[in-house]
Amino acid sequence: MTEISRLTIRQPDDWHLHLRDGNMLTAVLPHTSETFARAIVMPNLVPPVVTAADASAYRERIMAALPDGHNFTPLMTLYLTEDTDTEDLTTAFSSGLVSAVKLYPAGATTNSQSGVRDIEKIIPVLERMAELGMPLLVHGEVTDHDVDIFDREAVFIDRVLDPIRRRIPGLKVVMEHITTKEGVAYAEAGDDTLAATITTHHLIINRNHILVGGIKPDFYCLPVAKREEHRLALRKAAVSGNPRFFLGTDSAPHTEANKICACGCAGIFTAINTMSCLAHVFAEEGALNKLEAFTSLNGPAFYGMAPNDNTIDLVKSNAPISFPRQIWSEDGPVTVFDPGFELFWKVEKSR
C-alpha cells in the first residue's frame, strides 16, 4: 500500500475556541485564523459575554485584531446565566449575530463563576432555544464536592444532561470537549439533536501525562484528561467518521506565570499545531480518509452551515517540523502544546 504524503481537505473549522481579549487576543488569533475558516468563540471573558451588545462588541474586537489577508469568521456565543434575557437571546440568534449559547455550571472551569447553579431557572431559556433551533453548548461536568473530578462528566450526563434532553426533546445540544467513554457512548446513542466535540489534546494525553514523574502544569485542562481507556474511546470516535463527532480544540491560552504557580489555570494552547497533531493521530489510526469529516464536514452539518469552499493541503515532510515552545504576548509567554512526539505533517494553503 502506498503511503499517503499529501492530503487535500476542505478548510477546517474549530467548534470550540478561546481567544481571550486584549493583548492575548492579538497574540493568539493569527494562529487560528491562518488555518481555520470559522470558530465558535467561547464567551467566558471577565466580565462574560451575556448580551447581544456584549457579543457584538467582542466580535468587533476580534475583527480588529485579525491580520491582513486572513479570511476568518468568528461565530459568537452567549454565556448562559440564570438571568439571561430570552428576548435578547432571540434577537441575537435570529439576526445571525450569535450562533449558540454556552452553559457553564458555576465553578466548573476558568471564568465560570457567573455560571448556572439552578437548572430550573434556565428552563424557559432552553425551551425558547429549542423553538429557535439554537444550539446549547454544555461544559459537561457537575461541581458537587462529593463527586470525584474524574467522574464529573459521567455524573453530569446522568444527573443533568439526560434529564434536560428528555424534558426538552427538540433542544440541540453539543457536548463540549468530551473526555470519557461514557460521553462517547451517550453521543453515539443520541439522535440528530446531539453532537460532541473532541479536543486535539484529549486524543493524545491521558492523566499519566499530567502526574507521572512530577506534575506537568502545561497538560492540566478542564475537563481533566482521564484514564487511557477513555483516550482510546475518544480516538475511536474521532476517526470513525460518525457525524456526531467533530473538532473543538478548546485551545485555551494562559501566560506561563498563570499556568505554573500555586494554583495554576486550566487550559492548553493547541491552535498553532492542531492540524499537524491530528494528521499524526489519524495516520496512526489508518484513518486519514476520515480526517476531513472530523475537522471540516461534521461540524458545519450539525450547525446547519455549508462546508468551506476553500481547501488546505496537509503535506508530510521527511524531517520533523519545528514549532515554537512558546508564543509571545504582551501579557507574557504562552506555552504551546507538546504532544510528546515528532510532527511531520504541515499545513499548506491549496493553490
Foldseek 3Di string as FASTA:
>chain_A
DDDDFKDKFFQFEAAAEECAADQSNLFQVALQLVGHAEYAYAQLYVVGAAFLVSLVVVQVRNVVSYDPPGRHYYAYEHEDALPRDLVRVVVCVVVRSHQAYEADAAPQAPSRPRHYPDPVSCLVSQLSCLVVVGEYEYLQFDDDPVDDLQCGNVVSVVPPVVVSCVVRVSHQYEDEADAFLSVLVVLVPDDLSYAYEHALQSLQDACCVQCPPHGDLQQFAPSHHHDPVRSVSVLCSLLVLPLRYAHHHQQDWDAPVQRPDPDHHHHHHASNCRVLSVCVSCVVVVRNVSNNSRGWNSVCVSSVHDTHPFMKMKGFAPDFDDDDQWTATPVHITGHDDSPDTTGIDIGGDD
